[in-house]
Amino acid sequence: MSTRTCRVGVHGRNQEIFHDTDYRAIREAKVEVVKMMSQTKPEVFERIKRENPHVEIITRLYDDRMNTGGHPTPREFADKMIPLMRALKPHCTKFQIHNEPNHHDRIEGWGPTKADAEDFNRWFLQVYKLLKESCPWASLGFPGLAIPNHHHKDRVWLDACREAIKQADWLGVHCYCQTPQPGQKGQMRDDRLGRTYKYYHNKFPNKTLEILE
């Protein structure tokens, strides 16, 4: 008998509240994982677990101070996130630390260069330590990186952040693909897009991957 090694998930609404149609989809589709945002109200998490008690929730730790002008220090970030994590503990114990820090347009506080990656590597290690000290029960993941590589240099980042990725409890992956226009090649099976996870797995074969977007 074969053993299934992946789960079916969905990205939740990037808002403070959910609508009845959202809960219905989670309930009727019987999804196994829901990706959430930390600014979403705790009562949404509670109802998701009522609708589907077996679902696992992964929450992105969102900080609106991440922008083209810079980013909070590890301590500033941790001080903001620890109360949120504690409030969500009854419903969620798995958290993504930040999101797409390698974005070419620097909209998430860093950028695509190797120097950016090295700085984030140091930042992540300090944040991981602070969050684990206060919330040892939490599973903390390295964030999904922006793709494709030719624009956002995610593969440069994977090498430069090897220490942080090894420290993380799991590794996030973004596998974007769009519906092709007539005559265009599909992206879902493209190793640079929909199958980006294959490269990440080859780089870190012993690390659990979570496809977050």
C-alpha atoms as a PDB file:
ATOM      1  CA  MET A   1       0.000   0.000   0.000  1.00  0.00           C
ATOM      2  CA  SER A   2       1.403   3.406  -0.974  1.00  0.00           C
ATOM      3  CA  THR A   3       1.850   6.167   1.591  1.00  0.00           C
ATOM      4  CA  ARG A   4       0.693   9.677   0.682  1.00  0.00           C
ATOM      5  CA  THR A   5       3.403  12.242   1.363  1.00  0.00           C
ATOM      6  CA  CYS A   6       1.515  15.457   0.612  1.00  0.00           C
ATOM      7  CA  ARG A   7      -1.650  17.188   1.772  1.00  0.00           C
ATOM      8  CA  VAL A   8      -4.261  19.299   0.013  1.00  0.00           C
ATOM      9  CA  GLY A   9      -4.460  22.900   1.175  1.00  0.00           C
ATOM     10  CA  VAL A  10      -5.843  26.306   0.330  1.00  0.00           C
ATOM     11  CA  HIS A  11      -4.749  29.906   0.918  1.00  0.00           C
ATOM     12  CA  GLY A  12      -7.226  31.728   3.123  1.00  0.00           C
ATOM     13  CA  ARG A  13      -8.574  35.211   2.620  1.00  0.00           C
ATOM     14  CA  ASN A  14      -6.050  38.007   3.346  1.00  0.00           C
ATOM     15  CA  GLN A  15      -8.495  39.903   5.523  1.00  0.00           C
ATOM     16  CA  GLU A  16      -9.427  40.258   9.186  1.00  0.00           C
ATOM     17  CA  ILE A  17     -12.675  38.342   8.746  1.00  0.00           C
ATOM     18  CA  PHE A  18     -14.016  35.477   6.619  1.00  0.00           C
ATOM     19  CA  HIS A  19     -17.402  35.150   4.918  1.00  0.00           C
ATOM     20  CA  ASP A  20     -19.884  32.288   5.008  1.00  0.00           C
ATOM     21  CA  THR A  21     -18.720  31.145   1.561  1.00  0.00           C
ATOM     22  CA  ASP A  22     -15.170  30.776   2.919  1.00  0.00           C
ATOM     23  CA  TYR A  23     -16.269  28.545   5.778  1.00  0.00           C
ATOM     24  CA  ARG A  24     -18.475  26.533   3.447  1.00  0.00           C
ATOM     25  CA  ALA A  25     -15.546  25.860   1.115  1.00  0.00           C
ATOM     26  CA  ILE A  26     -13.341  24.735   4.012  1.00  0.00           C
ATOM     27  CA  ARG A  27     -16.108  22.500   5.359  1.00  0.00           C
ATOM     28  CA  GLU A  28     -17.313  20.907   2.136  1.00  0.00           C
ATOM     29  CA  ALA A  29     -13.967  20.536   0.369  1.00  0.00           C
ATOM     30  CA  LYS A  30     -12.478  18.970   3.506  1.00  0.00           C
ATOM     31  CA  VAL A  31      -9.156  20.686   2.879  1.00  0.00           C
ATOM     32  CA  GLU A  32      -6.324  19.438   5.072  1.00  0.00           C
ATOM     33  CA  VAL A  33      -4.357  22.693   5.463  1.00  0.00           C
ATOM     34  CA  VAL A  34      -5.342  26.374   5.451  1.00  0.00           C
ATOM     35  CA  LYS A  35      -2.784  29.166   5.123  1.00  0.00           C
ATOM     36  CA  MET A  36      -3.793  32.159   7.235  1.00  0.00           C
ATOM     37  CA  MET A  37      -2.576  35.650   8.109  1.00  0.00           C
ATOM     38  CA  SER A  38      -1.786  36.778  11.638  1.00  0.00           C
ATOM     39  CA  GLN A  39      -3.916  39.911  11.324  1.00  0.00           C
ATOM     40  CA  THR A  40      -7.038  37.757  10.849  1.00  0.00           C
ATOM     41  CA  LYS A  41      -9.235  37.787  13.951  1.00  0.00           C
ATOM     42  CA  PRO A  42      -8.840  34.811  16.347  1.00  0.00           C
ATOM     43  CA  GLU A  43     -12.545  34.006  16.114  1.00  0.00           C
ATOM     44  CA  VAL A  44     -12.014  33.145  12.431  1.00  0.00           C
ATOM     45  CA  PHE A  45      -9.439  30.533  13.405  1.00  0.00           C
ATOM     46  CA  GLU A  46     -11.818  29.173  16.015  1.00  0.00           C
ATOM     47  CA  ARG A  47     -14.665  28.769  13.534  1.00  0.00           C
ATOM     48  CA  ILE A  48     -12.410  27.132  10.928  1.00  0.00           C
ATOM     49  CA  LYS A  49     -11.547  24.470  13.486  1.00  0.00           C
ATOM     50  CA  ARG A  50     -15.221  24.016  14.285  1.00  0.00           C
ATOM     51  CA  GLU A  51     -16.076  23.597  10.616  1.00  0.00           C
ATOM     52  CA  ASN A  52     -13.196  21.199  10.018  1.00  0.00           C
ATOM     53  CA  PRO A  53     -11.654  19.960  13.308  1.00  0.00           C
ATOM     54  CA  HIS A  54      -8.879  18.020  11.578  1.00  0.00           C
ATOM     55  CA  VAL A  55      -7.570  20.875   9.427  1.00  0.00           C
ATOM     56  CA  GLU A  56      -4.059  22.178  10.094  1.00  0.00           C
ATOM     57  CA  ILE A  57      -3.542  25.939  10.039  1.00  0.00           C
ATOM     58  CA  ILE A  58      -0.299  27.619   8.983  1.00  0.00           C
ATOM     59  CA  THR A  59      -0.173  31.322   9.832  1.00  0.00           C
ATOM     60  CA  ARG A  60       1.998  33.925   8.180  1.00  0.00           C
ATOM     61  CA  LEU A  61       3.382  36.365  10.746  1.00  0.00           C
ATOM     62  CA  TYR A  62       2.510  39.648   9.065  1.00  0.00           C
ATOM     63  CA  ASP A  63       4.185  42.899  10.081  1.00  0.00           C
ATOM     64  CA  ASP A  64       3.145  46.079   8.282  1.00  0.00           C
ATOM     65  CA  ARG A  65       6.513  47.630   9.109  1.00  0.00           C
ATOM     66  CA  MET A  66       8.073  45.497   6.383  1.00  0.00           C
ATOM     67  CA  ASN A  67       8.331  47.808   3.390  1.00  0.00           C
ATOM     68  CA  THR A  68      10.702  49.452   0.936  1.00  0.00           C
ATOM     69  CA  GLY A  69      11.940  51.715   3.714  1.00  0.00           C
ATOM     70  CA  GLY A  70      13.260  48.867   5.850  1.00  0.00           C
ATOM     71  CA  HIS A  71      12.105  46.397   8.454  1.00  0.00           C
ATOM     72  CA  PRO A  72      11.776  46.021  12.228  1.00  0.00           C
ATOM     73  CA  THR A  73      14.656  44.647  14.257  1.00  0.00           C
ATOM     74  CA  PRO A  74      14.412  41.006  15.401  1.00  0.00           C
ATOM     75  CA  ARG A  75      13.355  42.150  18.868  1.00  0.00           C
ATOM     76  CA  GLU A  76      10.723  44.557  17.503  1.00  0.00           C
ATOM     77  CA  PHE A  77       9.318  41.830  15.267  1.00  0.00           C
ATOM     78  CA  ALA A  78       9.283  39.225  18.036  1.00  0.00           C
ATOM     79  CA  ASP A  79       7.652  41.585  20.543  1.00  0.00           C
ATOM     80  CA  LYS A  80       4.789  42.181  18.106  1.00  0.00           C
ATOM     81  CA  MET A  81       4.343  38.530  17.120  1.00  0.00           C
ATOM     82  CA  ILE A  82       4.636  36.696  20.441  1.00  0.00           C
ATOM     83  CA  PRO A  83       1.267  37.931  21.811  1.00  0.00           C
ATOM     84  CA  LEU A  84      -0.418  37.012  18.507  1.00  0.00           C
ATOM     85  CA  MET A  85       1.105  33.541  18.548  1.00  0.00           C
ATOM     86  CA  ARG A  86       0.007  32.943  22.125  1.00  0.00           C
ATOM     87  CA  ALA A  87      -3.530  34.056  21.292  1.00  0.00           C
ATOM     88  CA  LEU A  88      -3.667  31.637  18.354  1.00  0.00           C
ATOM     89  CA  LYS A  89      -2.113  28.669  20.172  1.00  0.00           C
ATOM     90  CA  PRO A  90      -5.450  26.859  20.745  1.00  0.00           C
ATOM     91  CA  HIS A  91      -5.993  26.799  16.972  1.00  0.00           C
ATOM     92  CA  CYS A  92      -2.567  27.075  15.320  1.00  0.00           C
ATOM     93  CA  THR A  93       0.985  26.112  16.272  1.00  0.00           C
ATOM     94  CA  LYS A  94       2.702  26.450  12.883  1.00  0.00           C
ATOM     95  CA  PHE A  95       3.940  29.862  11.767  1.00  0.00           C
ATOM     96  CA  GLN A  96       5.721  31.287   8.715  1.00  0.00           C
ATOM     97  CA  ILE A  97       8.281  33.931   9.661  1.00  0.00           C
ATOM     98  CA  HIS A  98       7.713  36.787   7.187  1.00  0.00           C
ATOM     99  CA  ASN A  99       7.095  36.401   3.434  1.00  0.00           C
ATOM    100  CA  GLU A 100       8.989  36.844   0.132  1.00  0.00           C
ATOM    101  CA  PRO A 101      11.871  38.918   1.565  1.00  0.00           C
ATOM    102  CA  ASN A 102      13.710  38.498  -1.758  1.00  0.00           C
ATOM    103  CA  HIS A 103      11.078  40.357  -3.795  1.00  0.00           C
ATOM    104  CA  HIS A 104      12.730  42.335  -6.616  1.00  0.00           C
ATOM    105  CA  ASP A 105      10.811  45.507  -5.769  1.00  0.00           C
ATOM    106  CA  ARG A 106      11.936  45.382  -2.129  1.00  0.00           C
ATOM    107  CA  ILE A 107       8.352  45.625  -0.902  1.00  0.00           C
ATOM    108  CA  GLU A 108       9.067  43.246   1.989  1.00  0.00           C
ATOM    109  CA  GLY A 109      12.043  44.989   3.581  1.00  0.00           C
ATOM    110  CA  TRP A 110      14.878  43.301   1.671  1.00  0.00           C
ATOM    111  CA  GLY A 111      15.622  42.566  -2.001  1.00  0.00           C
ATOM    112  CA  PRO A 112      17.012  39.962  -4.418  1.00  0.00           C
ATOM    113  CA  THR A 113      20.772  40.368  -3.901  1.00  0.00           C
ATOM    114  CA  LYS A 114      23.140  38.045  -2.089  1.00  0.00           C
ATOM    115  CA  ALA A 115      23.872  40.821   0.430  1.00  0.00           C
ATOM    116  CA  ASP A 116      20.127  41.099   1.121  1.00  0.00           C
ATOM    117  CA  ALA A 117      19.972  37.340   1.639  1.00  0.00           C
ATOM    118  CA  GLU A 118      22.908  37.329   4.035  1.00  0.00           C
ATOM    119  CA  ASP A 119      21.328  40.112   6.075  1.00  0.00           C
ATOM    120  CA  PHE A 120      18.002  38.264   6.198  1.00  0.00           C
ATOM    121  CA  ASN A 121      19.778  35.076   7.213  1.00  0.00           C
ATOM    122  CA  ARG A 122      21.128  36.844  10.312  1.00  0.00           C
ATOM    123  CA  TRP A 123      17.751  38.483  11.003  1.00  0.00           C
ATOM    124  CA  PHE A 124      15.867  35.187  10.720  1.00  0.00           C
ATOM    125  CA  LEU A 125      18.208  33.343  13.079  1.00  0.00           C
ATOM    126  CA  GLN A 126      17.734  36.001  15.754  1.00  0.00           C
ATOM    127  CA  VAL A 127      13.944  36.062  15.279  1.00  0.00           C
ATOM    128  CA  TYR A 128      13.770  32.269  15.406  1.00  0.00           C
ATOM    129  CA  LYS A 129      15.666  32.240  18.703  1.00  0.00           C
ATOM    130  CA  LEU A 130      13.459  34.909  20.286  1.00  0.00           C
ATOM    131  CA  LEU A 131      10.203  33.269  19.187  1.00  0.00           C
ATOM    132  CA  LYS A 132      11.318  29.802  20.310  1.00  0.00           C
ATOM    133  CA  GLU A 133      12.347  31.102  23.730  1.00  0.00           C
ATOM    134  CA  SER A 134       8.875  32.551  24.302  1.00  0.00           C
ATOM    135  CA  CYS A 135       6.839  29.967  22.362  1.00  0.00           C
ATOM    136  CA  PRO A 136       8.769  26.668  22.440  1.00  0.00           C
ATOM    137  CA  TRP A 137       5.633  24.830  21.287  1.00  0.00           C
ATOM    138  CA  ALA A 138       5.586  26.692  17.961  1.00  0.00           C
ATOM    139  CA  SER A 139       6.750  25.227  14.646  1.00  0.00           C
ATOM    140  CA  LEU A 140       8.562  28.023  12.788  1.00  0.00           C
ATOM    141  CA  GLY A 141       9.140  27.979   9.045  1.00  0.00           C
ATOM    142  CA  PHE A 142      11.486  29.765   6.668  1.00  0.00           C
ATOM    143  CA  PRO A 143       9.266  31.908   4.427  1.00  0.00           C
ATOM    144  CA  GLY A 144       8.261  31.208   0.869  1.00  0.00           C
ATOM    145  CA  LEU A 145      10.464  33.164  -1.527  1.00  0.00           C
ATOM    146  CA  ALA A 146       9.308  35.148  -4.539  1.00  0.00           C
ATOM    147  CA  ILE A 147       9.770  33.382  -7.880  1.00  0.00           C
ATOM    148  CA  PRO A 148      10.835  32.995 -10.668  1.00  0.00           C
ATOM    149  CA  ASN A 149      14.573  32.953 -10.104  1.00  0.00           C
ATOM    150  CA  HIS A 150      15.538  35.122 -13.090  1.00  0.00           C
ATOM    151  CA  HIS A 151      13.636  38.030 -11.515  1.00  0.00           C
ATOM    152  CA  HIS A 152      13.768  37.484  -7.748  1.00  0.00           C
ATOM    153  CA  LYS A 153      16.924  35.320  -7.352  1.00  0.00           C
ATOM    154  CA  ASP A 154      15.341  32.830  -4.975  1.00  0.00           C
ATOM    155  CA  ARG A 155      18.059  30.275  -5.735  1.00  0.00           C
ATOM    156  CA  VAL A 156      20.762  32.738  -4.683  1.00  0.00           C
ATOM    157  CA  TRP A 157      18.802  33.172  -1.482  1.00  0.00           C
ATOM    158  CA  LEU A 158      18.567  29.440  -0.824  1.00  0.00           C
ATOM    159  CA  ASP A 159      22.359  29.200  -0.838  1.00  0.00           C
ATOM    160  CA  ALA A 160      22.976  32.366   1.184  1.00  0.00           C
ATOM    161  CA  CYS A 161      20.323  31.434   3.792  1.00  0.00           C
ATOM    162  CA  ARG A 162      21.354  27.805   4.191  1.00  0.00           C
ATOM    163  CA  GLU A 163      22.091  28.289   7.905  1.00  0.00           C
ATOM    164  CA  ALA A 164      18.667  29.804   8.586  1.00  0.00           C
ATOM    165  CA  ILE A 165      16.871  27.160   6.522  1.00  0.00           C
ATOM    166  CA  LYS A 166      18.601  24.372   8.404  1.00  0.00           C
ATOM    167  CA  GLN A 167      17.610  25.995  11.704  1.00  0.00           C
ATOM    168  CA  ALA A 168      13.978  26.424  10.634  1.00  0.00           C
ATOM    169  CA  ASP A 169      11.486  23.695  11.497  1.00  0.00           C
ATOM    170  CA  TRP A 170      10.324  23.584   7.872  1.00  0.00           C
ATOM    171  CA  LEU A 171      10.828  25.352   4.536  1.00  0.00           C
ATOM    172  CA  GLY A 172       8.155  27.346   2.733  1.00  0.00           C
ATOM    173  CA  VAL A 173       7.836  27.279  -1.062  1.00  0.00           C
ATOM    174  CA  HIS A 174       5.899  29.421  -3.518  1.00  0.00           C
ATOM    175  CA  CYS A 175       4.903  27.601  -6.708  1.00  0.00           C
ATOM    176  CA  TYR A 176       3.126  30.174  -8.834  1.00  0.00           C
ATOM    177  CA  CYS A 177       1.531  29.256 -12.141  1.00  0.00           C
ATOM    178  CA  GLN A 178      -1.027  31.011 -14.341  1.00  0.00           C
ATOM    179  CA  THR A 179      -3.575  29.667 -16.787  1.00  0.00           C
ATOM    180  CA  PRO A 180      -1.851  29.797 -20.195  1.00  0.00           C
ATOM    181  CA  GLN A 181      -3.264  31.845 -23.025  1.00  0.00           C
ATOM    182  CA  PRO A 182      -4.043  30.048 -26.312  1.00  0.00           C
ATOM    183  CA  GLY A 183      -0.792  28.878 -27.850  1.00  0.00           C
ATOM    184  CA  GLN A 184       1.230  29.379 -24.656  1.00  0.00           C
ATOM    185  CA  LYS A 185       2.981  26.608 -22.770  1.00  0.00           C
ATOM    186  CA  GLY A 186       1.447  25.683 -19.429  1.00  0.00           C
ATOM    187  CA  GLN A 187       3.241  26.750 -16.250  1.00  0.00           C
ATOM    188  CA  MET A 188       1.992  24.191 -13.741  1.00  0.00           C
ATOM    189  CA  ARG A 189       4.562  21.582 -14.791  1.00  0.00           C
ATOM    190  CA  ASP A 190       7.361  24.111 -15.325  1.00  0.00           C
ATOM    191  CA  ASP A 191      10.267  23.426 -12.951  1.00  0.00           C
ATOM    192  CA  ARG A 192      10.813  27.193 -12.621  1.00  0.00           C
ATOM    193  CA  LEU A 193       7.195  27.885 -11.631  1.00  0.00           C
ATOM    194  CA  GLY A 194       4.588  25.286 -10.705  1.00  0.00           C
ATOM    195  CA  ARG A 195       7.206  22.673  -9.861  1.00  0.00           C
ATOM    196  CA  THR A 196       9.640  24.947  -8.039  1.00  0.00           C
ATOM    197  CA  TYR A 197       9.320  22.610  -5.052  1.00  0.00           C
ATOM    198  CA  LYS A 198      11.449  20.022  -6.872  1.00  0.00           C
ATOM    199  CA  TYR A 199      14.509  22.292  -6.787  1.00  0.00           C
ATOM    200  CA  TYR A 200      13.918  23.131  -3.118  1.00  0.00           C
ATOM    201  CA  HIS A 201      13.596  19.454  -2.231  1.00  0.00           C
ATOM    202  CA  ASN A 202      16.821  18.617  -4.055  1.00  0.00           C
ATOM    203  CA  LYS A 203      18.619  21.406  -2.147  1.00  0.00           C
ATOM    204  CA  PHE A 204      17.199  20.367   1.239  1.00  0.00           C
ATOM    205  CA  PRO A 205      16.078  16.712   0.923  1.00  0.00           C
ATOM    206  CA  ASN A 206      15.592  16.240   4.672  1.00  0.00           C
ATOM    207  CA  LYS A 207      13.529  19.386   5.209  1.00  0.00           C
ATOM    208  CA  THR A 208       9.720  19.295   5.218  1.00  0.00           C
ATOM    209  CA  LEU A 209       8.338  21.579   2.510  1.00  0.00           C
ATOM    210  CA  GLU A 210       5.121  23.568   2.831  1.00  0.00           C
ATOM    211  CA  ILE A 211       3.754  25.001  -0.423  1.00  0.00           C
ATOM    212  CA  LEU A 212       2.318  28.253   0.894  1.00  0.00           C
ATOM    213  CA  GLU A 213       1.304  30.055  -2.312  1.00  0.00           C
END
